[in-house]
Amino acid sequence: MGVLPGHTPALVLLHVGAVVIRDGSGERHLAVSGGFAEIGPKKVILFAETAEQAEDISKERARLDAERAKAELAHARGKGADHAEMDILVAEAKLRKALVRLQVADRVRHLPKGPHP
């Protein structure tokens, strides 16, 4: 979803995903998980459960988190018990978060240096 000045006020849920903040000084890339955004005609306020700037994300740690989540997901899918469904949901959420972190970290590393339009 894109938000430009003069946007109709809204309150939207945030899921695990990437957020790009553009202003007069350039762009900032964030990996967020959960929360909500309050959109007004002149500003947007993010209330995220977690938010990491791309520069602060360790690609190696995110890669390891994704590998661990994939292993947890495979293990949970192999279970026959009723508890497997919750384990699958938790592992999928961990995997989504790790993959978004990797995506955001990769995105900022491919941008040219200096202010961005």
N, C-alpha and C. Protein backbone atom coordinates (compact mmCIF):
# COMPACT_ATOMS: atom_id res chain seq x y z
N MET A 1 0.85 -1.17 0.00
CA MET A 1 0.00 0.00 0.00
C MET A 1 0.89 1.23 0.00
N GLY A 2 0.61 2.15 -0.86
CA GLY A 2 1.35 3.41 -0.88
C GLY A 2 0.52 4.52 -0.26
N VAL A 3 1.20 5.44 0.38
CA VAL A 3 0.51 6.56 1.04
C VAL A 3 1.19 7.85 0.59
N LEU A 4 0.41 8.75 0.03
CA LEU A 4 0.91 10.04 -0.41
C LEU A 4 0.30 11.14 0.45
N PRO A 5 0.90 12.34 0.44
CA PRO A 5 0.30 13.45 1.19
C PRO A 5 -1.15 13.67 0.76
N GLY A 6 -2.00 13.98 1.72
CA GLY A 6 -3.41 14.20 1.45
C GLY A 6 -4.24 12.93 1.47
N HIS A 7 -3.61 11.81 1.87
CA HIS A 7 -4.32 10.53 1.92
C HIS A 7 -5.48 10.61 2.91
N THR A 8 -6.54 9.92 2.59
CA THR A 8 -7.69 9.83 3.49
C THR A 8 -7.26 9.17 4.80
N PRO A 9 -7.64 9.71 5.94
CA PRO A 9 -7.27 9.08 7.21
C PRO A 9 -7.74 7.62 7.28
N ALA A 10 -6.89 6.78 7.83
CA ALA A 10 -7.21 5.36 7.94
C ALA A 10 -6.37 4.74 9.05
N LEU A 11 -6.84 3.62 9.51
CA LEU A 11 -6.10 2.81 10.48
C LEU A 11 -6.00 1.42 9.85
N VAL A 12 -4.77 0.94 9.63
CA VAL A 12 -4.59 -0.35 8.96
C VAL A 12 -3.70 -1.26 9.81
N LEU A 13 -3.97 -2.56 9.69
CA LEU A 13 -3.15 -3.55 10.39
C LEU A 13 -1.85 -3.77 9.65
N LEU A 14 -0.79 -3.98 10.40
CA LEU A 14 0.50 -4.34 9.82
C LEU A 14 0.71 -5.83 10.04
N HIS A 15 1.17 -6.49 9.01
CA HIS A 15 1.54 -7.89 9.12
C HIS A 15 3.06 -7.96 8.98
N VAL A 16 3.61 -9.14 8.96
CA VAL A 16 5.04 -9.28 8.70
C VAL A 16 5.28 -8.80 7.27
N GLY A 17 6.18 -7.84 7.12
CA GLY A 17 6.45 -7.32 5.78
C GLY A 17 7.49 -6.23 5.78
N ALA A 18 7.73 -5.73 4.58
CA ALA A 18 8.72 -4.67 4.38
C ALA A 18 7.99 -3.33 4.28
N VAL A 19 8.61 -2.29 4.86
CA VAL A 19 8.07 -0.94 4.80
C VAL A 19 9.18 -0.04 4.25
N VAL A 20 8.81 0.80 3.30
CA VAL A 20 9.75 1.79 2.76
C VAL A 20 9.20 3.16 3.15
N ILE A 21 10.03 3.93 3.82
CA ILE A 21 9.66 5.29 4.21
C ILE A 21 10.43 6.25 3.32
N ARG A 22 9.69 7.05 2.57
CA ARG A 22 10.31 8.04 1.68
C ARG A 22 9.97 9.43 2.19
N ASP A 23 10.99 10.26 2.28
CA ASP A 23 10.77 11.65 2.64
C ASP A 23 11.81 12.48 1.90
N GLY A 24 11.91 13.73 2.23
CA GLY A 24 12.84 14.63 1.53
C GLY A 24 14.30 14.23 1.65
N SER A 25 14.64 13.42 2.65
CA SER A 25 16.03 13.05 2.86
C SER A 25 16.39 11.70 2.25
N GLY A 26 15.43 11.01 1.63
CA GLY A 26 15.74 9.73 1.00
C GLY A 26 14.76 8.65 1.41
N GLU A 27 15.28 7.42 1.47
CA GLU A 27 14.46 6.25 1.81
C GLU A 27 15.05 5.52 3.00
N ARG A 28 14.16 4.95 3.79
CA ARG A 28 14.55 4.03 4.86
C ARG A 28 13.75 2.77 4.67
N HIS A 29 14.42 1.63 4.80
CA HIS A 29 13.78 0.33 4.63
C HIS A 29 13.70 -0.36 5.98
N LEU A 30 12.51 -0.86 6.31
CA LEU A 30 12.28 -1.52 7.58
C LEU A 30 11.65 -2.89 7.37
N ALA A 31 11.99 -3.82 8.24
CA ALA A 31 11.27 -5.09 8.33
C ALA A 31 10.40 -4.97 9.57
N VAL A 32 9.09 -5.13 9.40
CA VAL A 32 8.17 -5.00 10.53
C VAL A 32 7.40 -6.30 10.72
N SER A 33 6.92 -6.47 11.93
CA SER A 33 6.06 -7.63 12.20
C SER A 33 4.97 -7.21 13.17
N GLY A 34 3.76 -7.19 12.67
CA GLY A 34 2.60 -6.89 13.50
C GLY A 34 2.47 -5.44 13.88
N GLY A 35 1.28 -5.09 14.34
CA GLY A 35 0.99 -3.75 14.78
C GLY A 35 -0.04 -3.09 13.88
N PHE A 36 0.00 -1.76 13.83
CA PHE A 36 -0.91 -1.03 12.96
C PHE A 36 -0.29 0.29 12.56
N ALA A 37 -0.86 0.89 11.52
CA ALA A 37 -0.40 2.20 11.03
C ALA A 37 -1.59 3.15 11.06
N GLU A 38 -1.35 4.33 11.58
CA GLU A 38 -2.35 5.39 11.58
C GLU A 38 -1.99 6.35 10.45
N ILE A 39 -2.84 6.42 9.45
CA ILE A 39 -2.57 7.24 8.27
C ILE A 39 -3.38 8.51 8.37
N GLY A 40 -2.70 9.63 8.25
CA GLY A 40 -3.36 10.93 8.26
C GLY A 40 -3.03 11.67 6.98
N PRO A 41 -3.62 12.83 6.76
CA PRO A 41 -3.39 13.57 5.52
C PRO A 41 -1.95 14.09 5.38
N LYS A 42 -1.25 14.25 6.52
CA LYS A 42 0.10 14.81 6.47
C LYS A 42 1.19 13.90 7.02
N LYS A 43 0.79 12.79 7.67
CA LYS A 43 1.81 11.90 8.24
C LYS A 43 1.24 10.51 8.47
N VAL A 44 2.16 9.57 8.61
CA VAL A 44 1.83 8.19 8.93
C VAL A 44 2.59 7.82 10.19
N ILE A 45 1.90 7.22 11.13
CA ILE A 45 2.53 6.78 12.36
C ILE A 45 2.44 5.25 12.40
N LEU A 46 3.60 4.60 12.53
CA LEU A 46 3.64 3.14 12.63
C LEU A 46 3.73 2.73 14.08
N PHE A 47 2.90 1.80 14.47
CA PHE A 47 2.94 1.19 15.80
C PHE A 47 3.21 -0.30 15.56
N ALA A 48 4.47 -0.64 15.38
CA ALA A 48 4.83 -2.01 15.02
C ALA A 48 5.30 -2.78 16.25
N GLU A 49 4.96 -4.08 16.27
CA GLU A 49 5.46 -4.94 17.34
C GLU A 49 6.98 -4.99 17.28
N THR A 50 7.52 -5.19 16.08
CA THR A 50 8.96 -5.10 15.87
C THR A 50 9.22 -4.34 14.59
N ALA A 51 10.30 -3.58 14.56
CA ALA A 51 10.71 -2.85 13.36
C ALA A 51 12.23 -2.78 13.38
N GLU A 52 12.83 -3.27 12.29
CA GLU A 52 14.30 -3.23 12.18
C GLU A 52 14.67 -2.48 10.92
N GLN A 53 15.58 -1.53 11.06
CA GLN A 53 16.10 -0.85 9.89
C GLN A 53 17.02 -1.80 9.15
N ALA A 54 17.03 -1.69 7.83
CA ALA A 54 17.80 -2.60 6.99
C ALA A 54 19.27 -2.66 7.42
N GLU A 55 19.82 -1.52 7.76
CA GLU A 55 21.25 -1.47 8.12
C GLU A 55 21.55 -2.24 9.40
N ASP A 56 20.53 -2.46 10.22
CA ASP A 56 20.72 -3.14 11.50
C ASP A 56 20.48 -4.65 11.42
N ILE A 57 20.06 -5.13 10.26
CA ILE A 57 19.75 -6.55 10.12
C ILE A 57 21.00 -7.32 9.76
N SER A 58 21.29 -8.35 10.51
CA SER A 58 22.40 -9.25 10.20
C SER A 58 21.87 -10.29 9.21
N LYS A 59 22.39 -10.25 7.98
CA LYS A 59 21.94 -11.21 6.97
C LYS A 59 22.24 -12.64 7.42
N GLU A 60 23.37 -12.84 8.05
CA GLU A 60 23.75 -14.19 8.49
C GLU A 60 22.78 -14.70 9.55
N ARG A 61 22.45 -13.85 10.50
CA ARG A 61 21.51 -14.25 11.54
C ARG A 61 20.12 -14.53 10.94
N ALA A 62 19.69 -13.69 10.02
CA ALA A 62 18.38 -13.89 9.38
C ALA A 62 18.39 -15.18 8.56
N ARG A 63 19.49 -15.46 7.89
CA ARG A 63 19.60 -16.70 7.12
C ARG A 63 19.52 -17.91 8.04
N LEU A 64 20.23 -17.86 9.17
CA LEU A 64 20.18 -18.96 10.13
C LEU A 64 18.78 -19.11 10.73
N ASP A 65 18.12 -17.98 11.00
CA ASP A 65 16.75 -18.03 11.52
C ASP A 65 15.82 -18.70 10.51
N ALA A 66 16.01 -18.40 9.22
CA ALA A 66 15.18 -19.02 8.18
C ALA A 66 15.44 -20.52 8.10
N GLU A 67 16.69 -20.93 8.19
CA GLU A 67 17.02 -22.35 8.16
C GLU A 67 16.40 -23.09 9.35
N ARG A 68 16.49 -22.47 10.53
CA ARG A 68 15.90 -23.07 11.74
C ARG A 68 14.38 -23.19 11.59
N ALA A 69 13.75 -22.14 11.07
CA ALA A 69 12.30 -22.15 10.89
C ALA A 69 11.89 -23.21 9.87
N LYS A 70 12.67 -23.39 8.81
CA LYS A 70 12.36 -24.43 7.82
C LYS A 70 12.46 -25.81 8.46
N ALA A 71 13.46 -26.01 9.31
CA ALA A 71 13.61 -27.30 10.00
C ALA A 71 12.44 -27.53 10.97
N GLU A 72 12.05 -26.48 11.70
CA GLU A 72 10.90 -26.59 12.62
C GLU A 72 9.62 -26.90 11.84
N LEU A 73 9.47 -26.28 10.68
CA LEU A 73 8.29 -26.50 9.86
C LEU A 73 8.25 -27.94 9.36
N ALA A 74 9.37 -28.45 8.90
CA ALA A 74 9.43 -29.83 8.43
C ALA A 74 9.11 -30.80 9.56
N HIS A 75 9.65 -30.51 10.75
CA HIS A 75 9.40 -31.37 11.91
C HIS A 75 7.91 -31.33 12.29
N ALA A 76 7.34 -30.13 12.30
CA ALA A 76 5.93 -29.98 12.68
C ALA A 76 5.01 -30.68 11.67
N ARG A 77 5.36 -30.60 10.41
CA ARG A 77 4.54 -31.26 9.38
C ARG A 77 4.63 -32.78 9.48
N GLY A 78 5.70 -33.26 10.08
CA GLY A 78 5.87 -34.70 10.25
C GLY A 78 5.12 -35.27 11.44
N LYS A 79 4.63 -34.37 12.31
CA LYS A 79 3.88 -34.81 13.48
C LYS A 79 2.49 -35.25 13.08
N GLY A 80 1.95 -36.21 13.80
CA GLY A 80 0.59 -36.64 13.54
C GLY A 80 -0.39 -36.13 14.58
N ALA A 81 0.11 -35.47 15.60
CA ALA A 81 -0.74 -35.05 16.73
C ALA A 81 -1.52 -33.78 16.40
N ASP A 82 -2.54 -33.52 17.22
CA ASP A 82 -3.35 -32.32 17.07
C ASP A 82 -2.54 -31.05 17.30
N HIS A 83 -1.46 -31.13 18.05
CA HIS A 83 -0.64 -29.96 18.36
C HIS A 83 0.19 -29.53 17.16
N ALA A 84 0.28 -30.37 16.16
CA ALA A 84 1.10 -30.06 14.99
C ALA A 84 0.60 -28.80 14.28
N GLU A 85 -0.71 -28.58 14.25
CA GLU A 85 -1.24 -27.41 13.54
C GLU A 85 -0.69 -26.11 14.12
N MET A 86 -0.68 -25.99 15.43
CA MET A 86 -0.13 -24.78 16.06
C MET A 86 1.37 -24.67 15.80
N ASP A 87 2.08 -25.79 15.89
CA ASP A 87 3.51 -25.78 15.62
C ASP A 87 3.80 -25.34 14.19
N ILE A 88 2.96 -25.78 13.25
CA ILE A 88 3.13 -25.38 11.85
C ILE A 88 2.92 -23.88 11.70
N LEU A 89 1.88 -23.35 12.31
CA LEU A 89 1.60 -21.91 12.23
C LEU A 89 2.74 -21.08 12.81
N VAL A 90 3.28 -21.51 13.95
CA VAL A 90 4.39 -20.79 14.58
C VAL A 90 5.63 -20.84 13.69
N ALA A 91 5.94 -22.01 13.15
CA ALA A 91 7.12 -22.15 12.28
C ALA A 91 6.96 -21.32 11.01
N GLU A 92 5.75 -21.31 10.44
CA GLU A 92 5.52 -20.51 9.24
C GLU A 92 5.70 -19.02 9.53
N ALA A 93 5.24 -18.57 10.69
CA ALA A 93 5.40 -17.16 11.07
C ALA A 93 6.87 -16.81 11.24
N LYS A 94 7.63 -17.70 11.87
CA LYS A 94 9.08 -17.47 12.04
C LYS A 94 9.76 -17.40 10.68
N LEU A 95 9.37 -18.28 9.78
CA LEU A 95 9.98 -18.31 8.45
C LEU A 95 9.65 -17.02 7.69
N ARG A 96 8.39 -16.58 7.72
CA ARG A 96 8.02 -15.33 7.04
C ARG A 96 8.84 -14.16 7.57
N LYS A 97 8.99 -14.09 8.88
CA LYS A 97 9.74 -12.98 9.48
C LYS A 97 11.20 -13.01 9.04
N ALA A 98 11.82 -14.19 9.05
CA ALA A 98 13.22 -14.30 8.63
C ALA A 98 13.39 -13.94 7.16
N LEU A 99 12.47 -14.39 6.31
CA LEU A 99 12.57 -14.10 4.87
C LEU A 99 12.38 -12.62 4.58
N VAL A 100 11.48 -11.96 5.30
CA VAL A 100 11.30 -10.52 5.12
C VAL A 100 12.55 -9.78 5.56
N ARG A 101 13.15 -10.20 6.66
CA ARG A 101 14.38 -9.57 7.13
C ARG A 101 15.47 -9.69 6.07
N LEU A 102 15.59 -10.87 5.45
CA LEU A 102 16.58 -11.06 4.38
C LEU A 102 16.26 -10.16 3.19
N GLN A 103 15.00 -10.10 2.81
CA GLN A 103 14.58 -9.27 1.68
C GLN A 103 14.93 -7.80 1.92
N VAL A 104 14.62 -7.30 3.09
CA VAL A 104 14.89 -5.89 3.41
C VAL A 104 16.39 -5.63 3.45
N ALA A 105 17.14 -6.53 4.04
CA ALA A 105 18.60 -6.36 4.10
C ALA A 105 19.19 -6.37 2.69
N ASP A 106 18.72 -7.24 1.82
CA ASP A 106 19.21 -7.29 0.44
C ASP A 106 18.83 -6.03 -0.32
N ARG A 107 17.63 -5.54 -0.11
CA ARG A 107 17.15 -4.37 -0.85
C ARG A 107 18.02 -3.15 -0.60
N VAL A 108 18.35 -2.89 0.62
CA VAL A 108 19.13 -1.69 0.93
C VAL A 108 20.56 -1.82 0.44
N ARG A 109 21.09 -3.01 0.39
CA ARG A 109 22.46 -3.19 -0.06
C ARG A 109 22.60 -3.01 -1.58
N HIS A 110 21.47 -3.05 -2.31
CA HIS A 110 21.50 -2.87 -3.75
C HIS A 110 21.16 -1.45 -4.19
N LEU A 111 20.89 -0.58 -3.23
CA LEU A 111 20.57 0.81 -3.57
C LEU A 111 21.86 1.60 -3.71
N PRO A 112 21.88 2.59 -4.62
CA PRO A 112 23.06 3.45 -4.71
C PRO A 112 23.22 4.26 -3.43
N LYS A 113 24.43 4.66 -3.15
CA LYS A 113 24.71 5.47 -1.96
C LYS A 113 24.16 6.87 -2.13
N GLY A 114 23.83 7.50 -1.02
CA GLY A 114 23.35 8.88 -1.05
C GLY A 114 21.84 8.94 -1.04
N PRO A 115 21.29 10.17 -1.13
CA PRO A 115 19.84 10.34 -1.09
C PRO A 115 19.18 9.63 -2.27
N HIS A 116 17.96 9.14 -2.02
CA HIS A 116 17.21 8.42 -3.05
C HIS A 116 15.95 9.21 -3.38
N PRO A 117 15.58 9.19 -4.64
CA PRO A 117 14.36 9.93 -5.02
C PRO A 117 13.11 9.30 -4.47
